[in-house]
C-alpha atoms as a PDB file:
ATOM      1  CA  MET A   1       0.000   0.000   0.000  1.00  0.00           C
ATOM      2  CA  ASN A   2       0.983   3.612  -0.450  1.00  0.00           C
ATOM      3  CA  CYS A   3       1.405   5.073   3.042  1.00  0.00           C
ATOM      4  CA  LEU A   4       1.367   8.861   3.339  1.00  0.00           C
ATOM      5  CA  PHE A   5       3.984  10.198   5.727  1.00  0.00           C
ATOM      6  CA  GLY A   6       2.597  11.374   9.058  1.00  0.00           C
ATOM      7  CA  GLN A   7      -1.056  10.744   8.146  1.00  0.00           C
ATOM      8  CA  VAL A   8      -1.672   8.063  10.754  1.00  0.00           C
ATOM      9  CA  ASP A   9      -5.476   8.114  10.737  1.00  0.00           C
ATOM     10  CA  ARG A  10      -5.586   8.082   6.937  1.00  0.00           C
ATOM     11  CA  ASN A  11      -3.117   5.184   6.735  1.00  0.00           C
ATOM     12  CA  ILE A  12      -4.983   3.110   9.314  1.00  0.00           C
ATOM     13  CA  ASN A  13      -8.295   3.720   7.567  1.00  0.00           C
ATOM     14  CA  ARG A  14      -6.812   2.893   4.164  1.00  0.00           C
ATOM     15  CA  ALA A  15      -5.351  -0.356   5.482  1.00  0.00           C
ATOM     16  CA  LEU A  16      -8.672  -1.373   7.008  1.00  0.00           C
ATOM     17  CA  GLU A  17     -10.429  -0.514   3.746  1.00  0.00           C
ATOM     18  CA  LEU A  18      -8.071  -2.791   1.838  1.00  0.00           C
ATOM     19  CA  LEU A  19      -8.319  -5.631   4.336  1.00  0.00           C
ATOM     20  CA  THR A  20     -12.086  -5.484   4.551  1.00  0.00           C
ATOM     21  CA  GLY A  21     -12.294  -6.263   0.853  1.00  0.00           C
ATOM     22  CA  VAL A  22     -10.884  -9.794   1.193  1.00  0.00           C
ATOM     23  CA  THR A  23     -11.290 -12.736   3.553  1.00  0.00           C
ATOM     24  CA  ALA A  24      -8.239 -14.403   5.075  1.00  0.00           C
ATOM     25  CA  ASP A  25      -7.098 -16.097   8.269  1.00  0.00           C
ATOM     26  CA  LEU A  26      -3.919 -14.002   8.489  1.00  0.00           C
ATOM     27  CA  TYR A  27      -3.232 -10.504   7.141  1.00  0.00           C
ATOM     28  CA  VAL A  28       0.187  -8.809   6.960  1.00  0.00           C
ATOM     29  CA  LEU A  29       0.721  -5.052   6.569  1.00  0.00           C
ATOM     30  CA  PRO A  30       3.969  -3.240   5.697  1.00  0.00           C
ATOM     31  CA  GLU A  31       6.645  -1.940   8.024  1.00  0.00           C
ATOM     32  CA  LEU A  32       5.681   1.417   9.614  1.00  0.00           C
ATOM     33  CA  PHE A  33       2.500   1.353   7.542  1.00  0.00           C
ATOM     34  CA  ASN A  34       0.761   3.880   9.794  1.00  0.00           C
ATOM     35  CA  THR A  35       3.417   6.621   9.911  1.00  0.00           C
ATOM     36  CA  GLY A  36       5.582   6.362   6.837  1.00  0.00           C
ATOM     37  CA  TYR A  37       9.293   5.695   7.019  1.00  0.00           C
ATOM     38  CA  LEU A  38      11.609   8.626   6.319  1.00  0.00           C
ATOM     39  CA  PHE A  39      11.922  10.447   9.639  1.00  0.00           C
ATOM     40  CA  ASN A  40      14.081  13.536   9.983  1.00  0.00           C
ATOM     41  CA  ASP A  41      15.501  12.510  13.331  1.00  0.00           C
ATOM     42  CA  ARG A  42      14.891  10.459  16.463  1.00  0.00           C
ATOM     43  CA  ALA A  43      12.727  13.151  18.034  1.00  0.00           C
ATOM     44  CA  GLU A  44      10.327  13.058  15.092  1.00  0.00           C
ATOM     45  CA  ALA A  45      10.141   9.268  15.180  1.00  0.00           C
ATOM     46  CA  SER A  46       9.502   9.393  18.909  1.00  0.00           C
ATOM     47  CA  GLY A  47       6.563  11.724  18.316  1.00  0.00           C
ATOM     48  CA  TYR A  48       4.811   8.949  16.394  1.00  0.00           C
ATOM     49  CA  ALA A  49       5.648   6.166  18.856  1.00  0.00           C
ATOM     50  CA  GLU A  50       2.863   4.159  20.461  1.00  0.00           C
ATOM     51  CA  ILE A  51       2.673   1.650  23.269  1.00  0.00           C
ATOM     52  CA  CYS A  52       1.579  -1.864  22.416  1.00  0.00           C
ATOM     53  CA  PRO A  53      -0.910  -3.103  23.277  1.00  0.00           C
ATOM     54  CA  GLY A  54      -2.997   0.006  23.873  1.00  0.00           C
ATOM     55  CA  GLY A  55      -1.945   2.460  21.180  1.00  0.00           C
ATOM     56  CA  LYS A  56      -4.235   3.912  18.514  1.00  0.00           C
ATOM     57  CA  THR A  57      -2.900   1.704  15.742  1.00  0.00           C
ATOM     58  CA  PHE A  58      -3.016  -1.494  17.747  1.00  0.00           C
ATOM     59  CA  ASN A  59      -6.538  -0.794  19.015  1.00  0.00           C
ATOM     60  CA  ALA A  60      -7.925  -0.227  15.514  1.00  0.00           C
ATOM     61  CA  LEU A  61      -6.394  -3.373  14.055  1.00  0.00           C
ATOM     62  CA  ASP A  62      -7.098  -5.463  17.138  1.00  0.00           C
ATOM     63  CA  GLU A  63     -10.781  -4.600  16.812  1.00  0.00           C
ATOM     64  CA  PHE A  64     -10.690  -5.714  13.159  1.00  0.00           C
ATOM     65  CA  ALA A  65      -9.054  -9.021  14.154  1.00  0.00           C
ATOM     66  CA  SER A  66     -11.618  -9.564  16.891  1.00  0.00           C
ATOM     67  CA  VAL A  67     -14.607  -8.908  14.642  1.00  0.00           C
ATOM     68  CA  ARG A  68     -13.246 -10.886  11.673  1.00  0.00           C
ATOM     69  CA  LYS A  69     -11.875 -13.726  13.851  1.00  0.00           C
ATOM     70  CA  CYS A  70      -8.515 -13.471  12.113  1.00  0.00           C
ATOM     71  CA  TYR A  71      -4.860 -12.752  12.832  1.00  0.00           C
ATOM     72  CA  LEU A  72      -3.042  -9.594  11.780  1.00  0.00           C
ATOM     73  CA  VAL A  73       0.590  -8.417  11.651  1.00  0.00           C
ATOM     74  CA  ALA A  74       1.451  -4.715  11.252  1.00  0.00           C
ATOM     75  CA  GLY A  75       4.497  -2.469  11.577  1.00  0.00           C
ATOM     76  CA  PHE A  76       4.631   0.611  13.818  1.00  0.00           C
ATOM     77  CA  VAL A  77       6.959   2.729  15.985  1.00  0.00           C
ATOM     78  CA  GLU A  78       6.940   1.245  19.486  1.00  0.00           C
ATOM     79  CA  GLU A  79       7.554   3.228  22.661  1.00  0.00           C
ATOM     80  CA  ASP A  80       8.966   1.438  25.693  1.00  0.00           C
ATOM     81  CA  GLY A  81      10.159   3.874  28.357  1.00  0.00           C
ATOM     82  CA  ASP A  82      12.850   6.043  26.789  1.00  0.00           C
ATOM     83  CA  LYS A  83      13.437   3.521  24.006  1.00  0.00           C
ATOM     84  CA  ILE A  84      11.775   3.533  20.583  1.00  0.00           C
ATOM     85  CA  TYR A  85      11.770   0.579  18.222  1.00  0.00           C
ATOM     86  CA  ASN A  86      10.894  -0.207  14.652  1.00  0.00           C
ATOM     87  CA  ALA A  87       8.468  -2.976  15.552  1.00  0.00           C
ATOM     88  CA  SER A  88       5.594  -5.142  14.390  1.00  0.00           C
ATOM     89  CA  PHE A  89       2.847  -6.722  16.430  1.00  0.00           C
ATOM     90  CA  ILE A  90       0.664  -9.751  15.919  1.00  0.00           C
ATOM     91  CA  THR A  91      -2.853  -9.867  17.257  1.00  0.00           C
ATOM     92  CA  GLY A  92      -5.729 -12.277  16.821  1.00  0.00           C
ATOM     93  CA  PRO A  93      -9.325 -13.137  17.686  1.00  0.00           C
ATOM     94  CA  ASP A  94      -8.467 -13.221  21.380  1.00  0.00           C
ATOM     95  CA  GLY A  95      -6.316 -10.096  21.392  1.00  0.00           C
ATOM     96  CA  TYR A  96      -2.637  -9.193  21.572  1.00  0.00           C
ATOM     97  CA  ILE A  97      -0.140 -12.012  21.022  1.00  0.00           C
ATOM     98  CA  ALA A  98       3.388 -10.578  20.716  1.00  0.00           C
ATOM     99  CA  THR A  99       5.632  -7.764  19.462  1.00  0.00           C
ATOM    100  CA  TYR A 100       8.822  -8.163  17.442  1.00  0.00           C
ATOM    101  CA  ARG A 101      11.452  -5.399  17.497  1.00  0.00           C
ATOM    102  CA  LYS A 102      13.601  -5.080  14.378  1.00  0.00           C
ATOM    103  CA  ILE A 103      17.019  -6.528  15.071  1.00  0.00           C
ATOM    104  CA  HIS A 104      18.905  -5.382  11.964  1.00  0.00           C
ATOM    105  CA  LEU A 105      18.503  -1.625  11.441  1.00  0.00           C
ATOM    106  CA  PHE A 106      19.050  -0.197   7.955  1.00  0.00           C
ATOM    107  CA  ASN A 107      20.985   2.976   7.165  1.00  0.00           C
ATOM    108  CA  GLU A 108      19.594   6.052   9.010  1.00  0.00           C
ATOM    109  CA  GLU A 109      17.354   3.872  11.146  1.00  0.00           C
ATOM    110  CA  LYS A 110      20.362   3.587  13.424  1.00  0.00           C
ATOM    111  CA  LEU A 111      19.896   7.292  14.172  1.00  0.00           C
ATOM    112  CA  TRP A 112      16.151   7.016  14.826  1.00  0.00           C
ATOM    113  CA  PHE A 113      15.572   3.717  16.598  1.00  0.00           C
ATOM    114  CA  ASP A 114      17.029   1.477  19.242  1.00  0.00           C
ATOM    115  CA  ALA A 115      18.057  -1.932  17.906  1.00  0.00           C
ATOM    116  CA  GLY A 116      15.715  -4.758  18.824  1.00  0.00           C
ATOM    117  CA  ASN A 117      16.521  -6.268  22.197  1.00  0.00           C
ATOM    118  CA  LYS A 118      14.406  -9.431  22.064  1.00  0.00           C
ATOM    119  CA  PRO A 119      15.167 -12.692  20.244  1.00  0.00           C
ATOM    120  CA  PHE A 120      13.266 -14.044  17.283  1.00  0.00           C
ATOM    121  CA  PHE A 121      10.225 -16.099  18.279  1.00  0.00           C
ATOM    122  CA  VAL A 122       7.509 -18.314  16.856  1.00  0.00           C
ATOM    123  CA  VAL A 123       3.831 -18.281  17.849  1.00  0.00           C
ATOM    124  CA  ASN A 124       0.943 -20.581  16.993  1.00  0.00           C
ATOM    125  CA  VAL A 125      -1.634 -19.026  14.681  1.00  0.00           C
ATOM    126  CA  GLY A 126      -4.292 -21.685  14.418  1.00  0.00           C
ATOM    127  CA  SER A 127      -2.489 -24.703  12.976  1.00  0.00           C
ATOM    128  CA  VAL A 128       0.390 -22.630  11.591  1.00  0.00           C
ATOM    129  CA  ARG A 129       3.635 -21.729  13.404  1.00  0.00           C
ATOM    130  CA  VAL A 130       4.430 -18.113  12.564  1.00  0.00           C
ATOM    131  CA  GLY A 131       7.561 -16.006  12.991  1.00  0.00           C
ATOM    132  CA  LEU A 132       8.082 -12.285  12.400  1.00  0.00           C
ATOM    133  CA  MET A 133      10.886 -10.271  10.861  1.00  0.00           C
ATOM    134  CA  ILE A 134      11.086  -6.761   9.430  1.00  0.00           C
ATOM    135  CA  CYS A 135      12.548  -5.479   6.157  1.00  0.00           C
ATOM    136  CA  PHE A 136      16.390  -5.493   6.296  1.00  0.00           C
ATOM    137  CA  ASP A 137      16.375  -8.659   8.422  1.00  0.00           C
ATOM    138  CA  TRP A 138      16.092 -10.460   5.080  1.00  0.00           C
ATOM    139  CA  ILE A 139      19.699  -9.809   4.092  1.00  0.00           C
ATOM    140  CA  PHE A 140      21.018 -11.743   7.099  1.00  0.00           C
ATOM    141  CA  PRO A 141      20.532 -15.488   6.464  1.00  0.00           C
ATOM    142  CA  GLU A 142      20.616 -16.051  10.213  1.00  0.00           C
ATOM    143  CA  SER A 143      17.212 -14.368  10.588  1.00  0.00           C
ATOM    144  CA  MET A 144      15.144 -16.896   8.662  1.00  0.00           C
ATOM    145  CA  ARG A 145      17.388 -19.786   9.647  1.00  0.00           C
ATOM    146  CA  THR A 146      16.754 -18.974  13.308  1.00  0.00           C
ATOM    147  CA  LEU A 147      13.000 -18.902  12.700  1.00  0.00           C
ATOM    148  CA  ALA A 148      13.253 -22.220  10.853  1.00  0.00           C
ATOM    149  CA  LEU A 149      15.140 -23.785  13.768  1.00  0.00           C
ATOM    150  CA  LEU A 150      12.452 -22.455  16.116  1.00  0.00           C
ATOM    151  CA  GLY A 151       9.877 -24.379  14.082  1.00  0.00           C
ATOM    152  CA  ALA A 152       8.275 -21.666  11.952  1.00  0.00           C
ATOM    153  CA  ASP A 153       6.146 -22.673   8.981  1.00  0.00           C
ATOM    154  CA  LEU A 154       5.548 -19.106   7.800  1.00  0.00           C
ATOM    155  CA  VAL A 155       7.471 -15.835   8.195  1.00  0.00           C
ATOM    156  CA  CYS A 156       5.516 -12.560   8.232  1.00  0.00           C
ATOM    157  CA  HIS A 157       7.930 -10.037   6.720  1.00  0.00           C
ATOM    158  CA  SER A 158       6.674  -6.456   6.978  1.00  0.00           C
ATOM    159  CA  ALA A 159       8.879  -4.221   4.838  1.00  0.00           C
ATOM    160  CA  ASN A 160       9.628  -0.782   3.382  1.00  0.00           C
ATOM    161  CA  LEU A 161      12.077  -1.950   0.739  1.00  0.00           C
ATOM    162  CA  VAL A 162      14.194   0.527  -1.207  1.00  0.00           C
ATOM    163  CA  LEU A 163      16.906  -1.797  -2.533  1.00  0.00           C
ATOM    164  CA  PRO A 164      16.098  -3.942  -5.590  1.00  0.00           C
ATOM    165  CA  PHE A 165      17.274  -7.289  -4.235  1.00  0.00           C
ATOM    166  CA  CYS A 166      14.872  -8.578  -1.593  1.00  0.00           C
ATOM    167  CA  GLN A 167      11.975 -10.001  -3.578  1.00  0.00           C
ATOM    168  CA  ASN A 168      14.228 -12.333  -5.554  1.00  0.00           C
ATOM    169  CA  ALA A 169      16.414 -13.100  -2.554  1.00  0.00           C
ATOM    170  CA  MET A 170      13.368 -14.258  -0.602  1.00  0.00           C
ATOM    171  CA  LEU A 171      13.003 -17.115  -3.078  1.00  0.00           C
ATOM    172  CA  THR A 172      16.345 -18.402  -1.845  1.00  0.00           C
ATOM    173  CA  ARG A 173      15.614 -17.642   1.817  1.00  0.00           C
ATOM    174  CA  CYS A 174      12.463 -19.733   1.619  1.00  0.00           C
ATOM    175  CA  LEU A 175      14.140 -22.522  -0.347  1.00  0.00           C
ATOM    176  CA  GLU A 176      17.128 -22.880   1.978  1.00  0.00           C
ATOM    177  CA  ASN A 177      14.833 -23.092   5.028  1.00  0.00           C
ATOM    178  CA  SER A 178      11.722 -24.721   3.499  1.00  0.00           C
ATOM    179  CA  LEU A 179       9.465 -21.915   4.714  1.00  0.00           C
ATOM    180  CA  PHE A 180       6.572 -19.845   3.465  1.00  0.00           C
ATOM    181  CA  ALA A 181       7.017 -16.066   3.668  1.00  0.00           C
ATOM    182  CA  ILE A 182       4.771 -13.045   3.229  1.00  0.00           C
ATOM    183  CA  THR A 183       6.726  -9.921   2.269  1.00  0.00           C
ATOM    184  CA  ALA A 184       4.318  -6.982   2.647  1.00  0.00           C
ATOM    185  CA  ASN A 185       5.990  -3.925   1.140  1.00  0.00           C
ATOM    186  CA  ARG A 186       5.323  -0.204   0.548  1.00  0.00           C
ATOM    187  CA  THR A 187       4.574   1.514  -2.725  1.00  0.00           C
ATOM    188  CA  GLY A 188       5.056   5.201  -3.495  1.00  0.00           C
ATOM    189  CA  CYS A 189       7.655   7.392  -1.823  1.00  0.00           C
ATOM    190  CA  ASP A 190       8.380   9.521   1.214  1.00  0.00           C
ATOM    191  CA  ASP A 191       9.383  13.019   0.073  1.00  0.00           C
ATOM    192  CA  ARG A 192      10.434  15.147   3.038  1.00  0.00           C
ATOM    193  CA  GLY A 193      11.887  18.039   1.017  1.00  0.00           C
ATOM    194  CA  ASN A 194      15.484  19.283   0.981  1.00  0.00           C
ATOM    195  CA  ASN A 195      16.423  16.381  -1.293  1.00  0.00           C
ATOM    196  CA  ARG A 196      15.357  13.805   1.310  1.00  0.00           C
ATOM    197  CA  GLN A 197      13.323  11.258  -0.608  1.00  0.00           C
ATOM    198  CA  LEU A 198      12.956   7.495  -0.660  1.00  0.00           C
ATOM    199  CA  ALA A 199      11.036   5.494  -3.272  1.00  0.00           C
ATOM    200  CA  PHE A 200       9.745   2.054  -2.311  1.00  0.00           C
ATOM    201  CA  THR A 201       9.840  -0.967  -4.576  1.00  0.00           C
ATOM    202  CA  GLY A 202       6.343  -2.415  -4.095  1.00  0.00           C
ATOM    203  CA  MET A 203       6.042  -5.947  -5.493  1.00  0.00           C
ATOM    204  CA  SER A 204       4.821  -7.510  -2.268  1.00  0.00           C
ATOM    205  CA  GLN A 205       4.878 -11.272  -2.576  1.00  0.00           C
ATOM    206  CA  ILE A 206       4.110 -14.607  -0.988  1.00  0.00           C
ATOM    207  CA  THR A 207       6.833 -17.216  -1.397  1.00  0.00           C
ATOM    208  CA  GLY A 208       6.639 -20.985  -1.007  1.00  0.00           C
ATOM    209  CA  PRO A 209       8.998 -23.455   0.698  1.00  0.00           C
ATOM    210  CA  ARG A 210      10.519 -24.619  -2.581  1.00  0.00           C
ATOM    211  CA  GLY A 211      11.425 -21.092  -3.597  1.00  0.00           C
ATOM    212  CA  GLU A 212       8.331 -20.624  -5.728  1.00  0.00           C
ATOM    213  CA  GLN A 213       6.702 -17.207  -6.125  1.00  0.00           C
ATOM    214  CA  LEU A 214       3.065 -17.864  -5.190  1.00  0.00           C
ATOM    215  CA  CYS A 215       1.953 -14.316  -5.996  1.00  0.00           C
ATOM    216  CA  ARG A 216       3.488 -10.892  -6.522  1.00  0.00           C
ATOM    217  CA  ALA A 217       1.888  -7.448  -6.638  1.00  0.00           C
ATOM    218  CA  ASP A 218       3.033  -4.765  -9.064  1.00  0.00           C
ATOM    219  CA  ARG A 219       5.355  -1.898  -8.184  1.00  0.00           C
ATOM    220  CA  ASP A 220       2.872   0.944  -7.821  1.00  0.00           C
ATOM    221  CA  SER A 221      -0.686  -0.109  -6.975  1.00  0.00           C
ATOM    222  CA  ASP A 222      -2.414  -0.758  -3.669  1.00  0.00           C
ATOM    223  CA  CYS A 223      -3.062  -4.485  -3.693  1.00  0.00           C
ATOM    224  CA  VAL A 224      -4.261  -7.331  -1.491  1.00  0.00           C
ATOM    225  CA  GLN A 225      -3.703 -10.918  -2.577  1.00  0.00           C
ATOM    226  CA  VAL A 226      -4.712 -14.091  -0.751  1.00  0.00           C
ATOM    227  CA  VAL A 227      -3.032 -17.491  -1.044  1.00  0.00           C
ATOM    228  CA  ASP A 228      -4.069 -20.757   0.567  1.00  0.00           C
ATOM    229  CA  ILE A 229      -1.114 -22.637   2.041  1.00  0.00           C
ATOM    230  CA  ASN A 230      -0.517 -26.060   3.534  1.00  0.00           C
ATOM    231  CA  PRO A 231       1.856 -25.577   6.507  1.00  0.00           C
ATOM    232  CA  TYR A 232       2.914 -29.220   6.373  1.00  0.00           C
ATOM    233  CA  GLN A 233       4.756 -28.487   3.141  1.00  0.00           C
ATOM    234  CA  ALA A 234       7.086 -26.253   5.167  1.00  0.00           C
ATOM    235  CA  ARG A 235       7.688 -29.021   7.705  1.00  0.00           C
ATOM    236  CA  ASN A 236       9.110 -31.312   5.082  1.00  0.00           C
ATOM    237  CA  LYS A 237      12.779 -30.353   5.068  1.00  0.00           C
ATOM    238  CA  PHE A 238      13.871 -33.079   2.634  1.00  0.00           C
ATOM    239  CA  LEU A 239      15.118 -31.973  -0.779  1.00  0.00           C
ATOM    240  CA  ASN A 240      15.499 -35.605  -1.797  1.00  0.00           C
ATOM    241  CA  GLN A 241      15.726 -39.029  -0.183  1.00  0.00           C
ATOM    242  CA  TYR A 242      19.064 -38.257   1.441  1.00  0.00           C
ATOM    243  CA  ASN A 243      19.223 -34.500   2.125  1.00  0.00           C
ATOM    244  CA  ASP A 244      17.393 -32.807   5.000  1.00  0.00           C
ATOM    245  CA  LEU A 245      17.965 -29.039   5.067  1.00  0.00           C
ATOM    246  CA  LEU A 246      18.192 -28.844   8.854  1.00  0.00           C
ATOM    247  CA  ALA A 247      19.428 -32.305   9.847  1.00  0.00           C
ATOM    248  CA  ASP A 248      22.336 -32.102   7.366  1.00  0.00           C
ATOM    249  CA  ARG A 249      23.730 -28.958   8.935  1.00  0.00           C
ATOM    250  CA  ARG A 250      27.297 -29.234  10.330  1.00  0.00           C
ATOM    251  CA  PRO A 251      27.362 -26.647  13.151  1.00  0.00           C
ATOM    252  CA  ASP A 252      30.841 -27.705  14.300  1.00  0.00           C
ATOM    253  CA  PHE A 253      32.171 -26.216  11.083  1.00  0.00           C
ATOM    254  CA  TYR A 254      30.250 -22.937  11.409  1.00  0.00           C
ATOM    255  CA  LYS A 255      31.946 -21.609  14.540  1.00  0.00           C
ATOM    256  CA  LEU A 256      32.951 -18.325  12.901  1.00  0.00           C
ATOM    257  CA  VAL A 257      29.253 -17.487  12.445  1.00  0.00           C
ATOM    258  CA  ASN A 258      29.020 -16.789  16.163  1.00  0.00           C
ATOM    259  CA  ASP A 259      32.508 -15.379  16.695  1.00  0.00           C
ATOM    260  CA  PRO A 260      33.444 -11.669  16.588  1.00  0.00           C
ATOM    261  CA  LEU A 261      34.643 -10.549  13.175  1.00  0.00           C
ATOM    262  CA  ASN A 262      38.394 -10.572  12.638  1.00  0.00           C
ATOM    263  CA  ARG A 263      38.983  -8.268   9.671  1.00  0.00           C
ATOM    264  CA  ASN A 264      42.756  -7.979  10.001  1.00  0.00           C
END
């Protein structure tokens, strides 16, 4: 969807308008869908921060989930004491479930937000095991691999993508972990004046556990697409009779993955 910077009520209403038009068990909205993305500084981002549960954005979407008996993931700026996070929440028919705080901050986000301080997690959404990540988390293979090891079937990936790589890369991320993923991205641009502008790549997509593109939106239009999935396809980690994507891992040979970088 095209989110207009700073127009929180408009963006919430537009999202609800789009969601109301289709029926699904789980809906995913973009990163920072309610505020827009390109903040001038931390103080401006803080001015849009909300608590969760209990903030305006959460309350509106939680009511939708309650009435429609569905689950919903959405990005927002989270306030927690003197900290602010680029976050996403998941709520459902019975109310608030969890909040994920973006672990890998992109570019100027490091000036606006605190880095996520909670680990990746998986929650049960009906019969599906769901994990959350946000935008730039995609470029770190450890993000989806961690969710796979935690037992996720499906990754809800709220995004405001500006680089041209993610949509195609997610085919590999899903293949190497045998996971479904929903990448819900922005369209349009944030133009803050003084040559501060970001254009978003659109092309939201749902990806299957064999690296197949199940659907993809176009670059510019508001769009909602629904795909039926079988979560048990994601639980089959065998590529062939002999190769299991997770069981064949050799962690003893990956020690540098968890060691501090030595760039000398």
